């Protein structure tokens, strides 16, 4: 499963960065890069794993923090 963060006009860069750091445990500079990619390209893949339990937990936490997300199966 692939997890993408989608661009929106509701969340600040700081909030997106903080959410990624909290729930994906990525370093600040990587989170900052992801936020910029989302802003400039409309989306960024942030997780790719076959572990559906892990990706569903991350999805729930990021959605609860207010981020817009999309999941995609690796088998499509």
PDB file of N, CA and C in Angstrom:
ATOM      1  N   UNK A   1       0.841  -1.182   0.000  1.00  0.00           N
ATOM      2  CA  UNK A   1       0.000   0.000   0.000  1.00  0.00           C
ATOM      3  C   UNK A   1       0.887   1.246   0.000  1.00  0.00           C
ATOM      4  N   UNK A   2       0.438   2.223  -0.744  1.00  0.00           N
ATOM      5  CA  UNK A   2       1.128   3.508  -0.785  1.00  0.00           C
ATOM      6  C   UNK A   2       0.227   4.549  -0.148  1.00  0.00           C
ATOM      7  N   UNK A   3       0.841   5.422   0.621  1.00  0.00           N
ATOM      8  CA  UNK A   3       0.113   6.485   1.301  1.00  0.00           C
ATOM      9  C   UNK A   3       0.629   7.826   0.809  1.00  0.00           C
ATOM     10  N   UNK A   4      -0.296   8.670   0.348  1.00  0.00           N
ATOM     11  CA  UNK A   4       0.037   9.984  -0.173  1.00  0.00           C
ATOM     12  C   UNK A   4      -0.598  11.061   0.691  1.00  0.00           C
ATOM     13  N   UNK A   5       0.133  12.132   0.928  1.00  0.00           N
ATOM     14  CA  UNK A   5      -0.439  13.335   1.519  1.00  0.00           C
ATOM     15  C   UNK A   5      -0.817  14.233   0.360  1.00  0.00           C
ATOM     16  N   UNK A   6      -2.040  14.789   0.424  1.00  0.00           N
ATOM     17  CA  UNK A   6      -2.559  15.643  -0.629  1.00  0.00           C
ATOM     18  C   UNK A   6      -2.549  17.102  -0.185  1.00  0.00           C
ATOM     19  N   UNK A   7      -2.378  17.978  -1.135  1.00  0.00           N
ATOM     20  CA  UNK A   7      -2.375  19.411  -0.856  1.00  0.00           C
ATOM     21  C   UNK A   7      -3.780  19.872  -0.468  1.00  0.00           C
ATOM     22  N   UNK A   8      -3.858  20.819   0.428  1.00  0.00           N
ATOM     23  CA  UNK A   8      -5.114  21.467   0.771  1.00  0.00           C
ATOM     24  C   UNK A   8      -4.815  22.906   1.168  1.00  0.00           C
ATOM     25  N   UNK A   9      -5.844  23.681   1.322  1.00  0.00           N
ATOM     26  CA  UNK A   9      -5.681  25.078   1.703  1.00  0.00           C
ATOM     27  C   UNK A   9      -5.997  25.298   3.182  1.00  0.00           C
ATOM     28  N   UNK A  10      -6.049  24.210   3.939  1.00  0.00           N
ATOM     29  CA  UNK A  10      -6.457  24.297   5.336  1.00  0.00           C
ATOM     30  C   UNK A  10      -5.305  24.171   6.322  1.00  0.00           C
ATOM     31  N   UNK A  11      -4.281  23.402   5.972  1.00  0.00           N
ATOM     32  CA  UNK A  11      -3.193  23.126   6.912  1.00  0.00           C
ATOM     33  C   UNK A  11      -1.944  23.931   6.578  1.00  0.00           C
ATOM     34  N   UNK A  12      -1.323  24.447   7.615  1.00  0.00           N
ATOM     35  CA  UNK A  12      -0.086  25.204   7.428  1.00  0.00           C
ATOM     36  C   UNK A  12       1.081  24.246   7.182  1.00  0.00           C
ATOM     37  N   UNK A  13       2.155  24.782   6.617  1.00  0.00           N
ATOM     38  CA  UNK A  13       3.362  23.980   6.426  1.00  0.00           C
ATOM     39  C   UNK A  13       3.820  23.412   7.759  1.00  0.00           C
ATOM     40  N   UNK A  14       3.799  24.244   8.782  1.00  0.00           N
ATOM     41  CA  UNK A  14       4.272  23.810  10.093  1.00  0.00           C
ATOM     42  C   UNK A  14       3.447  22.639  10.619  1.00  0.00           C
ATOM     43  N   UNK A  15       2.143  22.707  10.441  1.00  0.00           N
ATOM     44  CA  UNK A  15       1.280  21.615  10.911  1.00  0.00           C
ATOM     45  C   UNK A  15       1.554  20.326  10.136  1.00  0.00           C
ATOM     46  N   UNK A  16       1.718  20.426   8.828  1.00  0.00           N
ATOM     47  CA  UNK A  16       2.019  19.246   8.014  1.00  0.00           C
ATOM     48  C   UNK A  16       3.348  18.639   8.450  1.00  0.00           C
ATOM     49  N   UNK A  17       4.346  19.474   8.621  1.00  0.00           N
ATOM     50  CA  UNK A  17       5.674  19.000   9.047  1.00  0.00           C
ATOM     51  C   UNK A  17       5.586  18.316  10.408  1.00  0.00           C
ATOM     52  N   UNK A  18       4.912  18.956  11.348  1.00  0.00           N
ATOM     53  CA  UNK A  18       4.783  18.412  12.704  1.00  0.00           C
ATOM     54  C   UNK A  18       4.028  17.082  12.691  1.00  0.00           C
ATOM     55  N   UNK A  19       2.984  16.981  11.871  1.00  0.00           N
ATOM     56  CA  UNK A  19       2.212  15.738  11.783  1.00  0.00           C
ATOM     57  C   UNK A  19       3.053  14.602  11.207  1.00  0.00           C
ATOM     58  N   UNK A  20       3.805  14.887  10.165  1.00  0.00           N
ATOM     59  CA  UNK A  20       4.660  13.860   9.562  1.00  0.00           C
ATOM     60  C   UNK A  20       5.710  13.408  10.575  1.00  0.00           C
ATOM     61  N   UNK A  21       6.318  14.358  11.253  1.00  0.00           N
ATOM     62  CA  UNK A  21       7.317  14.007  12.271  1.00  0.00           C
ATOM     63  C   UNK A  21       6.701  13.140  13.365  1.00  0.00           C
ATOM     64  N   UNK A  22       5.518  13.492  13.810  1.00  0.00           N
ATOM     65  CA  UNK A  22       4.878  12.773  14.914  1.00  0.00           C
ATOM     66  C   UNK A  22       4.505  11.345  14.548  1.00  0.00           C
ATOM     67  N   UNK A  23       3.959  11.145  13.352  1.00  0.00           N
ATOM     68  CA  UNK A  23       3.371   9.848  13.032  1.00  0.00           C
ATOM     69  C   UNK A  23       4.216   8.987  12.091  1.00  0.00           C
ATOM     70  N   UNK A  24       5.185   9.590  11.418  1.00  0.00           N
ATOM     71  CA  UNK A  24       6.060   8.811  10.542  1.00  0.00           C
ATOM     72  C   UNK A  24       7.499   8.794  11.045  1.00  0.00           C
ATOM     73  N   UNK A  25       7.785   9.625  12.044  1.00  0.00           N
ATOM     74  CA  UNK A  25       9.123   9.685  12.651  1.00  0.00           C
ATOM     75  C   UNK A  25      10.224   9.998  11.650  1.00  0.00           C
ATOM     76  N   UNK A  26       9.916  10.841  10.669  1.00  0.00           N
ATOM     77  CA  UNK A  26      10.928  11.266   9.701  1.00  0.00           C
ATOM     78  C   UNK A  26      11.668  12.478  10.261  1.00  0.00           C
ATOM     79  N   UNK A  27      12.919  12.687   9.848  1.00  0.00           N
ATOM     80  CA  UNK A  27      13.660  13.869  10.293  1.00  0.00           C
ATOM     81  C   UNK A  27      13.012  15.164   9.770  1.00  0.00           C
ATOM     82  N   UNK A  28      13.264  16.246  10.483  1.00  0.00           N
ATOM     83  CA  UNK A  28      12.654  17.531  10.137  1.00  0.00           C
ATOM     84  C   UNK A  28      12.889  17.916   8.683  1.00  0.00           C
ATOM     85  N   UNK A  29      14.111  17.772   8.200  1.00  0.00           N
ATOM     86  CA  UNK A  29      14.400  18.194   6.820  1.00  0.00           C
ATOM     87  C   UNK A  29      13.625  17.362   5.801  1.00  0.00           C
ATOM     88  N   UNK A  30      13.423  16.085   6.082  1.00  0.00           N
ATOM     89  CA  UNK A  30      12.633  15.246   5.181  1.00  0.00           C
ATOM     90  C   UNK A  30      11.165  15.674   5.214  1.00  0.00           C
ATOM     91  N   UNK A  31      10.658  15.982   6.385  1.00  0.00           N
ATOM     92  CA  UNK A  31       9.276  16.455   6.526  1.00  0.00           C
ATOM     93  C   UNK A  31       9.076  17.779   5.799  1.00  0.00           C
ATOM     94  N   UNK A  32      10.050  18.643   5.905  1.00  0.00           N
ATOM     95  CA  UNK A  32       9.996  19.929   5.215  1.00  0.00           C
ATOM     96  C   UNK A  32       9.980  19.721   3.697  1.00  0.00           C
ATOM     97  N   UNK A  33      10.792  18.804   3.212  1.00  0.00           N
ATOM     98  CA  UNK A  33      10.822  18.488   1.777  1.00  0.00           C
ATOM     99  C   UNK A  33       9.482  17.929   1.323  1.00  0.00           C
ATOM    100  N   UNK A  34       8.901  17.034   2.120  1.00  0.00           N
ATOM    101  CA  UNK A  34       7.594  16.465   1.786  1.00  0.00           C
ATOM    102  C   UNK A  34       6.544  17.563   1.707  1.00  0.00           C
ATOM    103  N   UNK A  35       6.521  18.473   2.673  1.00  0.00           N
ATOM    104  CA  UNK A  35       5.550  19.565   2.678  1.00  0.00           C
ATOM    105  C   UNK A  35       5.699  20.423   1.427  1.00  0.00           C
ATOM    106  N   UNK A  36       6.920  20.677   1.010  1.00  0.00           N
ATOM    107  CA  UNK A  36       7.149  21.458  -0.210  1.00  0.00           C
ATOM    108  C   UNK A  36       6.693  20.707  -1.458  1.00  0.00           C
ATOM    109  N   UNK A  37       6.948  19.413  -1.512  1.00  0.00           N
ATOM    110  CA  UNK A  37       6.504  18.606  -2.655  1.00  0.00           C
ATOM    111  C   UNK A  37       4.975  18.593  -2.725  1.00  0.00           C
ATOM    112  N   UNK A  38       4.329  18.411  -1.582  1.00  0.00           N
ATOM    113  CA  UNK A  38       2.858  18.429  -1.545  1.00  0.00           C
ATOM    114  C   UNK A  38       2.347  19.773  -2.056  1.00  0.00           C
ATOM    115  N   UNK A  39       2.933  20.845  -1.591  1.00  0.00           N
ATOM    116  CA  UNK A  39       2.501  22.188  -1.992  1.00  0.00           C
ATOM    117  C   UNK A  39       2.697  22.418  -3.494  1.00  0.00           C
ATOM    118  N   UNK A  40       3.846  22.017  -4.007  1.00  0.00           N
ATOM    119  CA  UNK A  40       4.178  22.301  -5.408  1.00  0.00           C
ATOM    120  C   UNK A  40       3.590  21.302  -6.400  1.00  0.00           C
ATOM    121  N   UNK A  41       3.411  20.033  -5.984  1.00  0.00           N
ATOM    122  CA  UNK A  41       2.960  18.998  -6.914  1.00  0.00           C
ATOM    123  C   UNK A  41       1.558  18.476  -6.623  1.00  0.00           C
ATOM    124  N   UNK A  42       0.977  18.904  -5.517  1.00  0.00           N
ATOM    125  CA  UNK A  42      -0.373  18.481  -5.180  1.00  0.00           C
ATOM    126  C   UNK A  42      -0.439  17.223  -4.328  1.00  0.00           C
ATOM    127  N   UNK A  43       0.672  16.479  -4.261  1.00  0.00           N
ATOM    128  CA  UNK A  43       0.703  15.272  -3.441  1.00  0.00           C
ATOM    129  C   UNK A  43       2.136  14.787  -3.305  1.00  0.00           C
ATOM    130  N   UNK A  44       2.337  13.906  -2.323  1.00  0.00           N
ATOM    131  CA  UNK A  44       3.645  13.269  -2.143  1.00  0.00           C
ATOM    132  C   UNK A  44       3.428  11.929  -1.456  1.00  0.00           C
ATOM    133  N   UNK A  45       4.045  10.879  -2.000  1.00  0.00           N
ATOM    134  CA  UNK A  45       3.977   9.577  -1.348  1.00  0.00           C
ATOM    135  C   UNK A  45       4.875   9.619  -0.113  1.00  0.00           C
ATOM    136  N   UNK A  46       4.317   9.210   1.026  1.00  0.00           N
ATOM    137  CA  UNK A  46       5.073   9.267   2.278  1.00  0.00           C
ATOM    138  C   UNK A  46       5.337   7.897   2.889  1.00  0.00           C
ATOM    139  N   UNK A  47       4.641   6.870   2.393  1.00  0.00           N
ATOM    140  CA  UNK A  47       4.854   5.523   2.939  1.00  0.00           C
ATOM    141  C   UNK A  47       4.479   4.496   1.879  1.00  0.00           C
ATOM    142  N   UNK A  48       5.309   3.476   1.758  1.00  0.00           N
ATOM    143  CA  UNK A  48       5.061   2.367   0.846  1.00  0.00           C
ATOM    144  C   UNK A  48       5.415   1.082   1.583  1.00  0.00           C
ATOM    145  N   UNK A  49       4.404   0.285   1.903  1.00  0.00           N
ATOM    146  CA  UNK A  49       4.622  -0.944   2.654  1.00  0.00           C
ATOM    147  C   UNK A  49       3.527  -1.952   2.338  1.00  0.00           C
ATOM    148  N   UNK A  50       3.850  -3.205   2.475  1.00  0.00           N
ATOM    149  CA  UNK A  50       2.853  -4.258   2.323  1.00  0.00           C
ATOM    150  C   UNK A  50       2.125  -4.537   3.633  1.00  0.00           C
ATOM    151  N   UNK A  51       2.561  -3.904   4.717  1.00  0.00           N
ATOM    152  CA  UNK A  51       1.951  -4.094   6.024  1.00  0.00           C
ATOM    153  C   UNK A  51       0.719  -3.197   6.159  1.00  0.00           C
ATOM    154  N   UNK A  52      -0.454  -3.771   5.890  1.00  0.00           N
ATOM    155  CA  UNK A  52      -1.689  -2.987   5.901  1.00  0.00           C
ATOM    156  C   UNK A  52      -2.041  -2.459   7.288  1.00  0.00           C
ATOM    157  N   UNK A  53      -1.678  -3.175   8.329  1.00  0.00           N
ATOM    158  CA  UNK A  53      -1.960  -2.725   9.696  1.00  0.00           C
ATOM    159  C   UNK A  53      -1.200  -1.426   9.965  1.00  0.00           C
ATOM    160  N   UNK A  54       0.077  -1.411   9.623  1.00  0.00           N
ATOM    161  CA  UNK A  54       0.910  -0.217   9.842  1.00  0.00           C
ATOM    162  C   UNK A  54       0.365   0.963   9.050  1.00  0.00           C
ATOM    163  N   UNK A  55       0.106   0.757   7.775  1.00  0.00           N
ATOM    164  CA  UNK A  55      -0.331   1.879   6.938  1.00  0.00           C
ATOM    165  C   UNK A  55      -1.712   2.391   7.358  1.00  0.00           C
ATOM    166  N   UNK A  56      -2.591   1.495   7.795  1.00  0.00           N
ATOM    167  CA  UNK A  56      -3.905   1.935   8.269  1.00  0.00           C
ATOM    168  C   UNK A  56      -3.809   2.736   9.557  1.00  0.00           C
ATOM    169  N   UNK A  57      -2.907   2.360  10.448  1.00  0.00           N
ATOM    170  CA  UNK A  57      -2.703   3.122  11.682  1.00  0.00           C
ATOM    171  C   UNK A  57      -2.166   4.518  11.379  1.00  0.00           C
ATOM    172  N   UNK A  58      -1.185   4.592  10.495  1.00  0.00           N
ATOM    173  CA  UNK A  58      -0.633   5.900  10.116  1.00  0.00           C
ATOM    174  C   UNK A  58      -1.714   6.743   9.455  1.00  0.00           C
ATOM    175  N   UNK A  59      -2.479   6.133   8.569  1.00  0.00           N
ATOM    176  CA  UNK A  59      -3.564   6.830   7.876  1.00  0.00           C
ATOM    177  C   UNK A  59      -4.538   7.444   8.889  1.00  0.00           C
ATOM    178  N   UNK A  60      -4.989   6.637   9.841  1.00  0.00           N
ATOM    179  CA  UNK A  60      -5.945   7.122  10.840  1.00  0.00           C
ATOM    180  C   UNK A  60      -5.386   8.308  11.625  1.00  0.00           C
ATOM    181  N   UNK A  61      -4.130   8.216  12.026  1.00  0.00           N
ATOM    182  CA  UNK A  61      -3.527   9.286  12.821  1.00  0.00           C
ATOM    183  C   UNK A  61      -3.373  10.574  12.013  1.00  0.00           C
ATOM    184  N   UNK A  62      -2.942  10.449  10.763  1.00  0.00           N
ATOM    185  CA  UNK A  62      -2.766  11.643   9.932  1.00  0.00           C
ATOM    186  C   UNK A  62      -4.105  12.281   9.574  1.00  0.00           C
ATOM    187  N   UNK A  63      -5.120  11.472   9.306  1.00  0.00           N
ATOM    188  CA  UNK A  63      -6.460  12.009   9.037  1.00  0.00           C
ATOM    189  C   UNK A  63      -6.991  12.725  10.281  1.00  0.00           C
ATOM    190  N   UNK A  64      -6.786  12.115  11.446  1.00  0.00           N
ATOM    191  CA  UNK A  64      -7.237  12.735  12.699  1.00  0.00           C
ATOM    192  C   UNK A  64      -6.544  14.072  12.939  1.00  0.00           C
ATOM    193  N   UNK A  65      -5.320  14.220  12.424  1.00  0.00           N
ATOM    194  CA  UNK A  65      -4.602  15.488  12.583  1.00  0.00           C
ATOM    195  C   UNK A  65      -5.051  16.518  11.549  1.00  0.00           C
ATOM    196  N   UNK A  66      -5.937  16.120  10.639  1.00  0.00           N
ATOM    197  CA  UNK A  66      -6.504  17.074   9.693  1.00  0.00           C
ATOM    198  C   UNK A  66      -5.926  17.026   8.295  1.00  0.00           C
ATOM    199  N   UNK A  67      -4.982  16.125   8.035  1.00  0.00           N
ATOM    200  CA  UNK A  67      -4.384  16.063   6.702  1.00  0.00           C
ATOM    201  C   UNK A  67      -5.287  15.325   5.728  1.00  0.00           C
ATOM    202  N   UNK A  68      -5.180  15.688   4.468  1.00  0.00           N
ATOM    203  CA  UNK A  68      -5.896  15.002   3.387  1.00  0.00           C
ATOM    204  C   UNK A  68      -4.965  13.934   2.835  1.00  0.00           C
ATOM    205  N   UNK A  69      -5.479  12.704   2.707  1.00  0.00           N
ATOM    206  CA  UNK A  69      -4.651  11.574   2.304  1.00  0.00           C
ATOM    207  C   UNK A  69      -5.323  10.757   1.218  1.00  0.00           C
ATOM    208  N   UNK A  70      -4.500   9.936   0.571  1.00  0.00           N
ATOM    209  CA  UNK A  70      -4.988   8.949  -0.397  1.00  0.00           C
ATOM    210  C   UNK A  70      -4.157   7.699  -0.234  1.00  0.00           C
ATOM    211  N   UNK A  71      -4.821   6.530  -0.236  1.00  0.00           N
ATOM    212  CA  UNK A  71      -4.107   5.248  -0.201  1.00  0.00           C
ATOM    213  C   UNK A  71      -4.285   4.582  -1.552  1.00  0.00           C
ATOM    214  N   UNK A  72      -3.251   3.856  -1.946  1.00  0.00           N
ATOM    215  CA  UNK A  72      -3.273   3.163  -3.228  1.00  0.00           C
ATOM    216  C   UNK A  72      -2.684   1.765  -3.018  1.00  0.00           C
ATOM    217  N   UNK A  73      -3.336   0.793  -3.572  1.00  0.00           N
ATOM    218  CA  UNK A  73      -2.843  -0.583  -3.463  1.00  0.00           C
ATOM    219  C   UNK A  73      -1.636  -0.772  -4.363  1.00  0.00           C
ATOM    220  N   UNK A  74      -0.677  -1.567  -3.921  1.00  0.00           N
ATOM    221  CA  UNK A  74       0.485  -1.898  -4.754  1.00  0.00           C
ATOM    222  C   UNK A  74       0.112  -2.869  -5.856  1.00  0.00           C
ATOM    223  N   UNK A  75      -1.103  -3.392  -5.821  1.00  0.00           N
ATOM    224  CA  UNK A  75      -1.510  -4.425  -6.762  1.00  0.00           C
ATOM    225  C   UNK A  75      -2.451  -3.913  -7.837  1.00  0.00           C
ATOM    226  N   UNK A  76      -2.602  -2.604  -7.955  1.00  0.00           N
ATOM    227  CA  UNK A  76      -3.499  -2.030  -8.973  1.00  0.00           C
ATOM    228  C   UNK A  76      -2.809  -1.980 -10.313  1.00  0.00           C
TER     229      UNK A  76
END
